[in-house]
Amino acid sequence: LESLDPEELLYAEVRETIDLGGPVLRVINSSAYTGRVQITQEGGKLVL
């Protein structure tokens, strides 16, 4: 049989510098999308 464990929430942060070759006056708007999650086994851990 299959038994469902409670769902788990994990968190990560994307922190990146975008070099545009010069200063920006202001930001008007932004949006973000996330793709499919890939799960691999690395060193006894599951990496998402």
All heavy atoms as atom14 arrays in JSON, in Angstrom:
{
  "sequence": "LESLDPEELLYAEVRETIDLGGPVLRVINSSAYTGRVQITQEGGKLVL",
  "atom14_mask": [
    [1, 1, 1, 1, 1, 1, 1, 1, 0, 0, 0, 0, 0, 0],
    [1, 1, 1, 1, 1, 1, 1, 1, 1, 0, 0, 0, 0, 0],
    [1, 1, 1, 1, 1, 1, 0, 0, 0, 0, 0, 0, 0, 0],
    [1, 1, 1, 1, 1, 1, 1, 1, 0, 0, 0, 0, 0, 0],
    [1, 1, 1, 1, 1, 1, 1, 1, 0, 0, 0, 0, 0, 0],
    [1, 1, 1, 1, 1, 1, 1, 0, 0, 0, 0, 0, 0, 0],
    [1, 1, 1, 1, 1, 1, 1, 1, 1, 0, 0, 0, 0, 0],
    [1, 1, 1, 1, 1, 1, 1, 1, 1, 0, 0, 0, 0, 0],
    [1, 1, 1, 1, 1, 1, 1, 1, 0, 0, 0, 0, 0, 0],
    [1, 1, 1, 1, 1, 1, 1, 1, 0, 0, 0, 0, 0, 0],
    [1, 1, 1, 1, 1, 1, 1, 1, 1, 1, 1, 1, 0, 0],
    [1, 1, 1, 1, 1, 0, 0, 0, 0, 0, 0, 0, 0, 0],
    [1, 1, 1, 1, 1, 1, 1, 1, 1, 0, 0, 0, 0, 0],
    [1, 1, 1, 1, 1, 1, 1, 0, 0, 0, 0, 0, 0, 0],
    [1, 1, 1, 1, 1, 1, 1, 1, 1, 1, 1, 0, 0, 0],
    [1, 1, 1, 1, 1, 1, 1, 1, 1, 0, 0, 0, 0, 0],
    [1, 1, 1, 1, 1, 1, 1, 0, 0, 0, 0, 0, 0, 0],
    [1, 1, 1, 1, 1, 1, 1, 1, 0, 0, 0, 0, 0, 0],
    [1, 1, 1, 1, 1, 1, 1, 1, 0, 0, 0, 0, 0, 0],
    [1, 1, 1, 1, 1, 1, 1, 1, 0, 0, 0, 0, 0, 0],
    [1, 1, 1, 1, 0, 0, 0, 0, 0, 0, 0, 0, 0, 0],
    [1, 1, 1, 1, 0, 0, 0, 0, 0, 0, 0, 0, 0, 0],
    [1, 1, 1, 1, 1, 1, 1, 0, 0, 0, 0, 0, 0, 0],
    [1, 1, 1, 1, 1, 1, 1, 0, 0, 0, 0, 0, 0, 0],
    [1, 1, 1, 1, 1, 1, 1, 1, 0, 0, 0, 0, 0, 0],
    [1, 1, 1, 1, 1, 1, 1, 1, 1, 1, 1, 0, 0, 0],
    [1, 1, 1, 1, 1, 1, 1, 0, 0, 0, 0, 0, 0, 0],
    [1, 1, 1, 1, 1, 1, 1, 1, 0, 0, 0, 0, 0, 0],
    [1, 1, 1, 1, 1, 1, 1, 1, 0, 0, 0, 0, 0, 0],
    [1, 1, 1, 1, 1, 1, 0, 0, 0, 0, 0, 0, 0, 0],
    [1, 1, 1, 1, 1, 1, 0, 0, 0, 0, 0, 0, 0, 0],
    [1, 1, 1, 1, 1, 0, 0, 0, 0, 0, 0, 0, 0, 0],
    [1, 1, 1, 1, 1, 1, 1, 1, 1, 1, 1, 1, 0, 0],
    [1, 1, 1, 1, 1, 1, 1, 0, 0, 0, 0, 0, 0, 0],
    [1, 1, 1, 1, 0, 0, 0, 0, 0, 0, 0, 0, 0, 0],
    [1, 1, 1, 1, 1, 1, 1, 1, 1, 1, 1, 0, 0, 0],
    [1, 1, 1, 1, 1, 1, 1, 0, 0, 0, 0, 0, 0, 0],
    [1, 1, 1, 1, 1, 1, 1, 1, 1, 0, 0, 0, 0, 0],
    [1, 1, 1, 1, 1, 1, 1, 1, 0, 0, 0, 0, 0, 0],
    [1, 1, 1, 1, 1, 1, 1, 0, 0, 0, 0, 0, 0, 0],
    [1, 1, 1, 1, 1, 1, 1, 1, 1, 0, 0, 0, 0, 0],
    [1, 1, 1, 1, 1, 1, 1, 1, 1, 0, 0, 0, 0, 0],
    [1, 1, 1, 1, 0, 0, 0, 0, 0, 0, 0, 0, 0, 0],
    [1, 1, 1, 1, 0, 0, 0, 0, 0, 0, 0, 0, 0, 0],
    [1, 1, 1, 1, 1, 1, 1, 1, 1, 0, 0, 0, 0, 0],
    [1, 1, 1, 1, 1, 1, 1, 1, 0, 0, 0, 0, 0, 0],
    [1, 1, 1, 1, 1, 1, 1, 0, 0, 0, 0, 0, 0, 0],
    [1, 1, 1, 1, 1, 1, 1, 1, 0, 0, 0, 0, 0, 0]
  ],
  "atom14_positions": [
    [[0.84, -1.18, 0.0], [0.0, 0.0, 0.0], [0.88, 1.24, 0.0], [2.07, 1.18, 0.34], [-0.9, 0.03, 1.23], [-1.99, -1.04, 1.35], [-2.65, -0.94, 2.73], [-3.03, -0.87, 0.27], [0.0, 0.0, 0.0], [0.0, 0.0, 0.0], [0.0, 0.0, 0.0], [0.0, 0.0, 0.0], [0.0, 0.0, 0.0], [0.0, 0.0, 0.0]],
    [[0.29, 2.35, -0.36], [0.98, 3.63, -0.25], [0.4, 4.42, 0.9], [-0.82, 4.41, 1.13], [0.85, 4.42, -1.55], [1.61, 3.81, -2.71], [1.55, 4.67, -3.96], [0.65, 5.52, -4.05], [2.42, 4.5, -4.83], [0.0, 0.0, 0.0], [0.0, 0.0, 0.0], [0.0, 0.0, 0.0], [0.0, 0.0, 0.0], [0.0, 0.0, 0.0]],
    [[1.26, 5.08, 1.64], [0.84, 5.93, 2.75], [1.44, 7.31, 2.56], [2.64, 7.45, 2.3], [1.29, 5.33, 4.09], [0.8, 6.11, 5.17], [0.0, 0.0, 0.0], [0.0, 0.0, 0.0], [0.0, 0.0, 0.0], [0.0, 0.0, 0.0], [0.0, 0.0, 0.0], [0.0, 0.0, 0.0], [0.0, 0.0, 0.0], [0.0, 0.0, 0.0]],
    [[0.6, 8.32, 2.7], [1.02, 9.7, 2.45], [1.61, 10.31, 3.71], [0.92, 10.41, 4.73], [-0.17, 10.53, 1.97], [-0.95, 9.97, 0.77], [-2.18, 10.82, 0.51], [-0.06, 9.94, -0.46], [0.0, 0.0, 0.0], [0.0, 0.0, 0.0], [0.0, 0.0, 0.0], [0.0, 0.0, 0.0], [0.0, 0.0, 0.0], [0.0, 0.0, 0.0]],
    [[2.85, 10.69, 3.65], [3.43, 11.48, 4.74], [2.92, 12.91, 4.64], [2.53, 13.36, 3.55], [4.96, 11.47, 4.65], [5.56, 10.15, 5.08], [4.79, 9.26, 5.51], [6.79, 9.99, 4.98], [0.0, 0.0, 0.0], [0.0, 0.0, 0.0], [0.0, 0.0, 0.0], [0.0, 0.0, 0.0], [0.0, 0.0, 0.0], [0.0, 0.0, 0.0]],
    [[2.95, 13.67, 5.74], [2.54, 15.08, 5.65], [3.41, 15.84, 4.66], [4.62, 15.58, 4.54], [2.74, 15.59, 7.09], [2.69, 14.37, 7.95], [3.27, 13.27, 7.12], [0.0, 0.0, 0.0], [0.0, 0.0, 0.0], [0.0, 0.0, 0.0], [0.0, 0.0, 0.0], [0.0, 0.0, 0.0], [0.0, 0.0, 0.0], [0.0, 0.0, 0.0]],
    [[2.8, 16.76, 3.93], [3.58, 17.56, 2.99], [4.56, 18.44, 3.74], [4.33, 18.83, 4.89], [2.67, 18.41, 2.11], [1.96, 19.53, 2.83], [1.11, 20.37, 1.88], [0.44, 19.8, 1.0], [1.11, 21.6, 2.06], [0.0, 0.0, 0.0], [0.0, 0.0, 0.0], [0.0, 0.0, 0.0], [0.0, 0.0, 0.0], [0.0, 0.0, 0.0]],
    [[5.68, 18.72, 3.1], [6.73, 19.52, 3.71], [6.96, 20.77, 2.87], [6.9, 20.73, 1.64], [8.03, 18.73, 3.82], [7.91, 17.46, 4.65], [9.22, 16.7, 4.74], [10.27, 17.37, 4.86], [9.19, 15.45, 4.7], [0.0, 0.0, 0.0], [0.0, 0.0, 0.0], [0.0, 0.0, 0.0], [0.0, 0.0, 0.0], [0.0, 0.0, 0.0]],
    [[7.25, 21.89, 3.54], [7.55, 23.14, 2.88], [9.03, 23.47, 3.08], [9.52, 23.48, 4.22], [6.69, 24.29, 3.43], [5.17, 24.14, 3.23], [4.44, 25.34, 3.84], [4.83, 24.0, 1.76], [0.0, 0.0, 0.0], [0.0, 0.0, 0.0], [0.0, 0.0, 0.0], [0.0, 0.0, 0.0], [0.0, 0.0, 0.0], [0.0, 0.0, 0.0]],
    [[9.73, 23.68, 2.0], [11.14, 24.05, 2.03], [11.29, 25.4, 1.33], [10.48, 25.76, 0.45], [12.0, 23.0, 1.33], [11.87, 21.57, 1.84], [12.68, 20.63, 0.95], [12.33, 21.46, 3.28], [0.0, 0.0, 0.0], [0.0, 0.0, 0.0], [0.0, 0.0, 0.0], [0.0, 0.0, 0.0], [0.0, 0.0, 0.0], [0.0, 0.0, 0.0]],
    [[12.33, 26.13, 1.69], [12.49, 27.49, 1.17], [13.89, 27.69, 0.6], [14.87, 27.1, 1.06], [12.22, 28.52, 2.28], [10.84, 28.38, 2.88], [10.64, 27.63, 4.04], [9.73, 28.96, 2.27], [9.37, 27.48, 4.59], [8.46, 28.82, 2.81], [8.29, 28.08, 3.97], [7.03, 27.93, 4.5], [0.0, 0.0, 0.0], [0.0, 0.0, 0.0]],
    [[13.93, 28.5, -0.41], [15.2, 28.9, -1.02], [15.09, 30.37, -1.41], [13.99, 30.92, -1.53], [15.51, 28.04, -2.24], [0.0, 0.0, 0.0], [0.0, 0.0, 0.0], [0.0, 0.0, 0.0], [0.0, 0.0, 0.0], [0.0, 0.0, 0.0], [0.0, 0.0, 0.0], [0.0, 0.0, 0.0], [0.0, 0.0, 0.0], [0.0, 0.0, 0.0]],
    [[16.24, 30.99, -1.6], [16.25, 32.39, -2.02], [17.14, 32.55, -3.24], [18.27, 32.06, -3.27], [16.75, 33.31, -0.9], [16.66, 34.79, -1.3], [17.23, 35.73, -0.24], [18.31, 35.44, 0.32], [16.59, 36.76, 0.02], [0.0, 0.0, 0.0], [0.0, 0.0, 0.0], [0.0, 0.0, 0.0], [0.0, 0.0, 0.0], [0.0, 0.0, 0.0]],
    [[16.61, 33.2, -4.24], [17.4, 33.6, -5.39], [17.93, 35.0, -5.09], [17.16, 35.93, -4.83], [16.56, 33.61, -6.68], [17.38, 34.15, -7.84], [16.05, 32.22, -6.99], [0.0, 0.0, 0.0], [0.0, 0.0, 0.0], [0.0, 0.0, 0.0], [0.0, 0.0, 0.0], [0.0, 0.0, 0.0], [0.0, 0.0, 0.0], [0.0, 0.0, 0.0]],
    [[19.22, 35.13, -5.16], [19.85, 36.44, -4.9], [20.91, 36.65, -5.98], [21.96, 36.01, -5.94], [20.46, 36.49, -3.51], [21.03, 37.85, -3.13], [21.41, 37.88, -1.66], [21.95, 39.16, -1.27], [22.23, 39.51, -0.02], [22.04, 38.66, 0.96], [22.71, 40.71, 0.24], [0.0, 0.0, 0.0], [0.0, 0.0, 0.0], [0.0, 0.0, 0.0]],
    [[20.63, 37.49, -6.92], [21.49, 37.66, -8.08], [21.71, 39.14, -8.39], [20.81, 39.98, -8.19], [20.87, 37.0, -9.32], [20.66, 35.5, -9.2], [21.95, 34.72, -9.29], [22.97, 35.31, -9.72], [21.94, 33.52, -8.96], [0.0, 0.0, 0.0], [0.0, 0.0, 0.0], [0.0, 0.0, 0.0], [0.0, 0.0, 0.0], [0.0, 0.0, 0.0]],
    [[22.92, 39.44, -8.87], [23.25, 40.79, -9.34], [23.18, 40.8, -10.87], [23.74, 39.92, -11.54], [24.65, 41.2, -8.87], [24.68, 41.2, -7.44], [24.99, 42.59, -9.39], [0.0, 0.0, 0.0], [0.0, 0.0, 0.0], [0.0, 0.0, 0.0], [0.0, 0.0, 0.0], [0.0, 0.0, 0.0], [0.0, 0.0, 0.0], [0.0, 0.0, 0.0]],
    [[22.46, 41.77, -11.41], [22.29, 41.9, -12.86], [23.08, 43.12, -13.31], [22.77, 44.26, -12.94], [20.81, 42.05, -13.23], [20.01, 40.86, -12.71], [20.65, 42.21, -14.73], [18.52, 41.01, -12.87], [0.0, 0.0, 0.0], [0.0, 0.0, 0.0], [0.0, 0.0, 0.0], [0.0, 0.0, 0.0], [0.0, 0.0, 0.0], [0.0, 0.0, 0.0]],
    [[24.13, 42.88, -14.06], [25.0, 43.96, -14.53], [24.46, 44.52, -15.83], [24.39, 43.82, -16.84], [26.42, 43.43, -14.72], [27.43, 44.55, -14.99], [27.01, 45.7, -15.17], [28.64, 44.24, -15.02], [0.0, 0.0, 0.0], [0.0, 0.0, 0.0], [0.0, 0.0, 0.0], [0.0, 0.0, 0.0], [0.0, 0.0, 0.0], [0.0, 0.0, 0.0]],
    [[24.06, 45.78, -15.81], [23.53, 46.44, -17.0], [24.52, 47.47, -17.58], [24.19, 48.18, -18.52], [22.2, 47.13, -16.67], [21.08, 46.19, -16.2], [19.85, 47.0, -15.79], [20.72, 45.2, -17.3], [0.0, 0.0, 0.0], [0.0, 0.0, 0.0], [0.0, 0.0, 0.0], [0.0, 0.0, 0.0], [0.0, 0.0, 0.0], [0.0, 0.0, 0.0]],
    [[25.7, 47.53, -16.99], [26.72, 48.44, -17.49], [26.52, 49.89, -17.11], [27.22, 50.77, -17.62], [0.0, 0.0, 0.0], [0.0, 0.0, 0.0], [0.0, 0.0, 0.0], [0.0, 0.0, 0.0], [0.0, 0.0, 0.0], [0.0, 0.0, 0.0], [0.0, 0.0, 0.0], [0.0, 0.0, 0.0], [0.0, 0.0, 0.0], [0.0, 0.0, 0.0]],
    [[25.58, 50.15, -16.24], [25.32, 51.52, -15.81], [24.18, 51.56, -14.82], [23.48, 50.55, -14.6], [0.0, 0.0, 0.0], [0.0, 0.0, 0.0], [0.0, 0.0, 0.0], [0.0, 0.0, 0.0], [0.0, 0.0, 0.0], [0.0, 0.0, 0.0], [0.0, 0.0, 0.0], [0.0, 0.0, 0.0], [0.0, 0.0, 0.0], [0.0, 0.0, 0.0]],
    [[23.97, 52.71, -14.2], [22.94, 52.81, -13.17], [21.53, 52.78, -13.75], [21.31, 53.09, -14.92], [23.23, 54.15, -12.49], [23.9, 54.95, -13.55], [24.7, 53.99, -14.37], [0.0, 0.0, 0.0], [0.0, 0.0, 0.0], [0.0, 0.0, 0.0], [0.0, 0.0, 0.0], [0.0, 0.0, 0.0], [0.0, 0.0, 0.0], [0.0, 0.0, 0.0]],
    [[20.59, 52.38, -12.89], [19.17, 52.38, -13.21], [18.5, 53.46, -12.38], [18.78, 53.61, -11.19], [18.54, 51.0, -12.92], [17.03, 51.06, -12.97], [19.08, 49.97, -13.89], [0.0, 0.0, 0.0], [0.0, 0.0, 0.0], [0.0, 0.0, 0.0], [0.0, 0.0, 0.0], [0.0, 0.0, 0.0], [0.0, 0.0, 0.0], [0.0, 0.0, 0.0]],
    [[17.6, 54.22, -13.02], [16.93, 55.3, -12.3], [15.88, 54.77, -11.35], [15.83, 55.14, -10.18], [16.3, 56.27, -13.31], [15.85, 57.62, -12.76], [17.01, 58.38, -12.16], [15.18, 58.44, -13.87], [0.0, 0.0, 0.0], [0.0, 0.0, 0.0], [0.0, 0.0, 0.0], [0.0, 0.0, 0.0], [0.0, 0.0, 0.0], [0.0, 0.0, 0.0]],
    [[15.05, 53.87, -11.83], [14.04, 53.25, -10.96], [13.46, 52.01, -11.66], [13.54, 51.85, -12.87], [12.9, 54.22, -10.6], [12.21, 54.85, -11.78], [11.21, 55.92, -11.32], [10.74, 56.71, -12.46], [11.37, 57.79, -12.92], [12.49, 58.2, -12.35], [10.88, 58.45, -13.96], [0.0, 0.0, 0.0], [0.0, 0.0, 0.0], [0.0, 0.0, 0.0]],
    [[12.85, 51.17, -10.83], [12.21, 49.95, -11.31], [10.7, 50.19, -11.38], [10.1, 50.69, -10.43], [12.52, 48.75, -10.39], [11.7, 47.53, -10.79], [14.01, 48.43, -10.45], [0.0, 0.0, 0.0], [0.0, 0.0, 0.0], [0.0, 0.0, 0.0], [0.0, 0.0, 0.0], [0.0, 0.0, 0.0], [0.0, 0.0, 0.0], [0.0, 0.0, 0.0]],
    [[10.1, 49.82, -12.5], [8.67, 50.03, -12.69], [7.87, 48.8, -12.3], [6.84, 48.89, -11.62], [8.36, 50.38, -14.17], [9.12, 51.65, -14.58], [6.87, 50.54, -14.4], [8.67, 52.89, -13.86], [0.0, 0.0, 0.0], [0.0, 0.0, 0.0], [0.0, 0.0, 0.0], [0.0, 0.0, 0.0], [0.0, 0.0, 0.0], [0.0, 0.0, 0.0]],
    [[8.33, 47.62, -12.7], [7.53, 46.41, -12.53], [8.41, 45.18, -12.66], [9.48, 45.24, -13.26], [6.41, 46.38, -13.59], [5.29, 45.44, -13.21], [5.11, 44.4, -13.81], [4.52, 45.81, -12.19], [0.0, 0.0, 0.0], [0.0, 0.0, 0.0], [0.0, 0.0, 0.0], [0.0, 0.0, 0.0], [0.0, 0.0, 0.0], [0.0, 0.0, 0.0]],
    [[7.93, 44.07, -12.09], [8.66, 42.8, -12.24], [7.68, 41.64, -12.18], [6.55, 41.77, -11.69], [9.71, 42.64, -11.13], [9.09, 42.49, -9.87], [0.0, 0.0, 0.0], [0.0, 0.0, 0.0], [0.0, 0.0, 0.0], [0.0, 0.0, 0.0], [0.0, 0.0, 0.0], [0.0, 0.0, 0.0], [0.0, 0.0, 0.0], [0.0, 0.0, 0.0]],
    [[8.1, 40.51, -12.7], [7.31, 39.28, -12.62], [8.27, 38.1, -12.59], [9.43, 38.2, -12.99], [6.34, 39.15, -13.8], [7.05, 39.16, -15.02], [0.0, 0.0, 0.0], [0.0, 0.0, 0.0], [0.0, 0.0, 0.0], [0.0, 0.0, 0.0], [0.0, 0.0, 0.0], [0.0, 0.0, 0.0], [0.0, 0.0, 0.0], [0.0, 0.0, 0.0]],
    [[7.78, 36.97, -12.09], [8.63, 35.78, -11.96], [7.81, 34.52, -12.18], [6.63, 34.45, -11.79], [9.29, 35.74, -10.58], [0.0, 0.0, 0.0], [0.0, 0.0, 0.0], [0.0, 0.0, 0.0], [0.0, 0.0, 0.0], [0.0, 0.0, 0.0], [0.0, 0.0, 0.0], [0.0, 0.0, 0.0], [0.0, 0.0, 0.0], [0.0, 0.0, 0.0]],
    [[8.43, 33.53, -12.82], [7.83, 32.22, -13.05], [8.82, 31.15, -12.6], [10.05, 31.35, -12.69], [7.51, 32.0, -14.53], [6.55, 32.98, -15.12], [7.0, 34.13, -15.76], [5.18, 32.75, -15.06], [6.11, 35.04, -16.32], [4.28, 33.65, -15.62], [4.75, 34.79, -16.25], [3.86, 35.68, -16.8], [0.0, 0.0, 0.0], [0.0, 0.0, 0.0]],
    [[8.29, 30.03, -12.14], [9.14, 28.9, -11.78], [8.77, 27.71, -12.66], [7.61, 27.49, -13.0], [8.96, 28.5, -10.31], [7.57, 28.32, -10.03], [9.52, 29.58, -9.4], [0.0, 0.0, 0.0], [0.0, 0.0, 0.0], [0.0, 0.0, 0.0], [0.0, 0.0, 0.0], [0.0, 0.0, 0.0], [0.0, 0.0, 0.0], [0.0, 0.0, 0.0]],
    [[9.79, 26.94, -13.03], [9.58, 25.79, -13.9], [9.35, 24.51, -13.12], [9.07, 24.52, -11.91], [0.0, 0.0, 0.0], [0.0, 0.0, 0.0], [0.0, 0.0, 0.0], [0.0, 0.0, 0.0], [0.0, 0.0, 0.0], [0.0, 0.0, 0.0], [0.0, 0.0, 0.0], [0.0, 0.0, 0.0], [0.0, 0.0, 0.0], [0.0, 0.0, 0.0]],
    [[9.5, 23.41, -13.8], [9.32, 22.09, -13.2], [10.43, 21.83, -12.2], [11.59, 22.18, -12.43], [9.35, 21.05, -14.31], [9.11, 19.63, -13.87], [9.27, 18.69, -15.04], [9.06, 17.31, -14.65], [9.33, 16.27, -15.42], [9.84, 16.47, -16.63], [9.13, 15.04, -15.0], [0.0, 0.0, 0.0], [0.0, 0.0, 0.0], [0.0, 0.0, 0.0]],
    [[10.1, 21.19, -11.08], [11.08, 20.85, -10.05], [11.74, 19.53, -10.41], [11.06, 18.52, -10.67], [10.42, 20.77, -8.66], [11.43, 20.28, -7.62], [9.88, 22.14, -8.25], [0.0, 0.0, 0.0], [0.0, 0.0, 0.0], [0.0, 0.0, 0.0], [0.0, 0.0, 0.0], [0.0, 0.0, 0.0], [0.0, 0.0, 0.0], [0.0, 0.0, 0.0]],
    [[13.06, 19.54, -10.43], [13.84, 18.32, -10.65], [14.4, 17.84, -9.3], [14.92, 18.65, -8.53], [15.0, 18.59, -11.62], [14.57, 19.13, -12.97], [13.94, 18.08, -13.85], [14.07, 16.89, -13.59], [13.26, 18.51, -14.9], [0.0, 0.0, 0.0], [0.0, 0.0, 0.0], [0.0, 0.0, 0.0], [0.0, 0.0, 0.0], [0.0, 0.0, 0.0]],
    [[14.29, 16.55, -9.02], [14.77, 15.97, -7.76], [15.87, 14.98, -8.08], [15.68, 14.03, -8.85], [13.64, 15.29, -6.99], [12.48, 16.27, -6.73], [14.16, 14.73, -5.66], [11.29, 15.64, -6.02], [0.0, 0.0, 0.0], [0.0, 0.0, 0.0], [0.0, 0.0, 0.0], [0.0, 0.0, 0.0], [0.0, 0.0, 0.0], [0.0, 0.0, 0.0]],
    [[17.06, 15.22, -7.51], [18.18, 14.3, -7.69], [18.74, 13.91, -6.33], [18.56, 14.62, -5.33], [19.29, 14.95, -8.54], [19.72, 16.18, -7.9], [18.78, 15.28, -9.94], [0.0, 0.0, 0.0], [0.0, 0.0, 0.0], [0.0, 0.0, 0.0], [0.0, 0.0, 0.0], [0.0, 0.0, 0.0], [0.0, 0.0, 0.0], [0.0, 0.0, 0.0]],
    [[19.43, 12.78, -6.31], [20.07, 12.31, -5.08], [21.55, 12.63, -5.15], [22.24, 12.23, -6.08], [19.86, 10.81, -4.91], [20.43, 10.26, -3.61], [20.12, 8.78, -3.44], [19.36, 8.21, -4.19], [20.74, 8.17, -2.43], [0.0, 0.0, 0.0], [0.0, 0.0, 0.0], [0.0, 0.0, 0.0], [0.0, 0.0, 0.0], [0.0, 0.0, 0.0]],
    [[22.03, 13.37, -4.16], [23.43, 13.78, -4.13], [23.96, 13.66, -2.7], [23.51, 14.39, -1.81], [23.58, 15.23, -4.64], [23.1, 15.42, -6.08], [23.19, 16.87, -6.54], [23.91, 17.64, -5.87], [22.54, 17.21, -7.54], [0.0, 0.0, 0.0], [0.0, 0.0, 0.0], [0.0, 0.0, 0.0], [0.0, 0.0, 0.0], [0.0, 0.0, 0.0]],
    [[24.88, 12.73, -2.51], [25.53, 12.59, -1.21], [24.58, 12.31, -0.07], [24.72, 12.87, 1.02], [0.0, 0.0, 0.0], [0.0, 0.0, 0.0], [0.0, 0.0, 0.0], [0.0, 0.0, 0.0], [0.0, 0.0, 0.0], [0.0, 0.0, 0.0], [0.0, 0.0, 0.0], [0.0, 0.0, 0.0], [0.0, 0.0, 0.0], [0.0, 0.0, 0.0]],
    [[23.6, 11.45, -0.29], [22.66, 11.12, 0.77], [21.56, 12.12, 0.97], [20.7, 11.94, 1.85], [0.0, 0.0, 0.0], [0.0, 0.0, 0.0], [0.0, 0.0, 0.0], [0.0, 0.0, 0.0], [0.0, 0.0, 0.0], [0.0, 0.0, 0.0], [0.0, 0.0, 0.0], [0.0, 0.0, 0.0], [0.0, 0.0, 0.0], [0.0, 0.0, 0.0]],
    [[21.56, 13.17, 0.19], [20.52, 14.21, 0.27], [19.7, 14.2, -1.02], [20.18, 13.8, -2.08], [21.15, 15.59, 0.44], [21.93, 15.79, 1.73], [21.01, 16.19, 2.86], [21.81, 16.61, 4.09], [20.92, 17.05, 5.19], [0.0, 0.0, 0.0], [0.0, 0.0, 0.0], [0.0, 0.0, 0.0], [0.0, 0.0, 0.0], [0.0, 0.0, 0.0]],
    [[18.47, 14.68, -0.9], [17.67, 14.96, -2.08], [17.8, 16.44, -2.39], [17.55, 17.29, -1.53], [16.2, 14.6, -1.85], [15.88, 13.12, -1.72], [14.4, 12.93, -1.44], [16.28, 12.35, -2.97], [0.0, 0.0, 0.0], [0.0, 0.0, 0.0], [0.0, 0.0, 0.0], [0.0, 0.0, 0.0], [0.0, 0.0, 0.0], [0.0, 0.0, 0.0]],
    [[18.22, 16.74, -3.6], [18.4, 18.13, -4.01], [17.25, 18.49, -4.96], [17.02, 17.82, -5.96], [19.75, 18.34, -4.7], [19.91, 19.79, -5.14], [20.89, 17.94, -3.76], [0.0, 0.0, 0.0], [0.0, 0.0, 0.0], [0.0, 0.0, 0.0], [0.0, 0.0, 0.0], [0.0, 0.0, 0.0], [0.0, 0.0, 0.0], [0.0, 0.0, 0.0]],
    [[16.55, 19.57, -4.62], [15.43, 20.05, -5.41], [15.87, 21.3, -6.15], [16.38, 22.25, -5.53], [14.21, 20.36, -4.54], [13.43, 19.17, -3.95], [14.23, 18.42, -2.89], [12.12, 19.65, -3.37], [0.0, 0.0, 0.0], [0.0, 0.0, 0.0], [0.0, 0.0, 0.0], [0.0, 0.0, 0.0], [0.0, 0.0, 0.0], [0.0, 0.0, 0.0]]
  ]
}
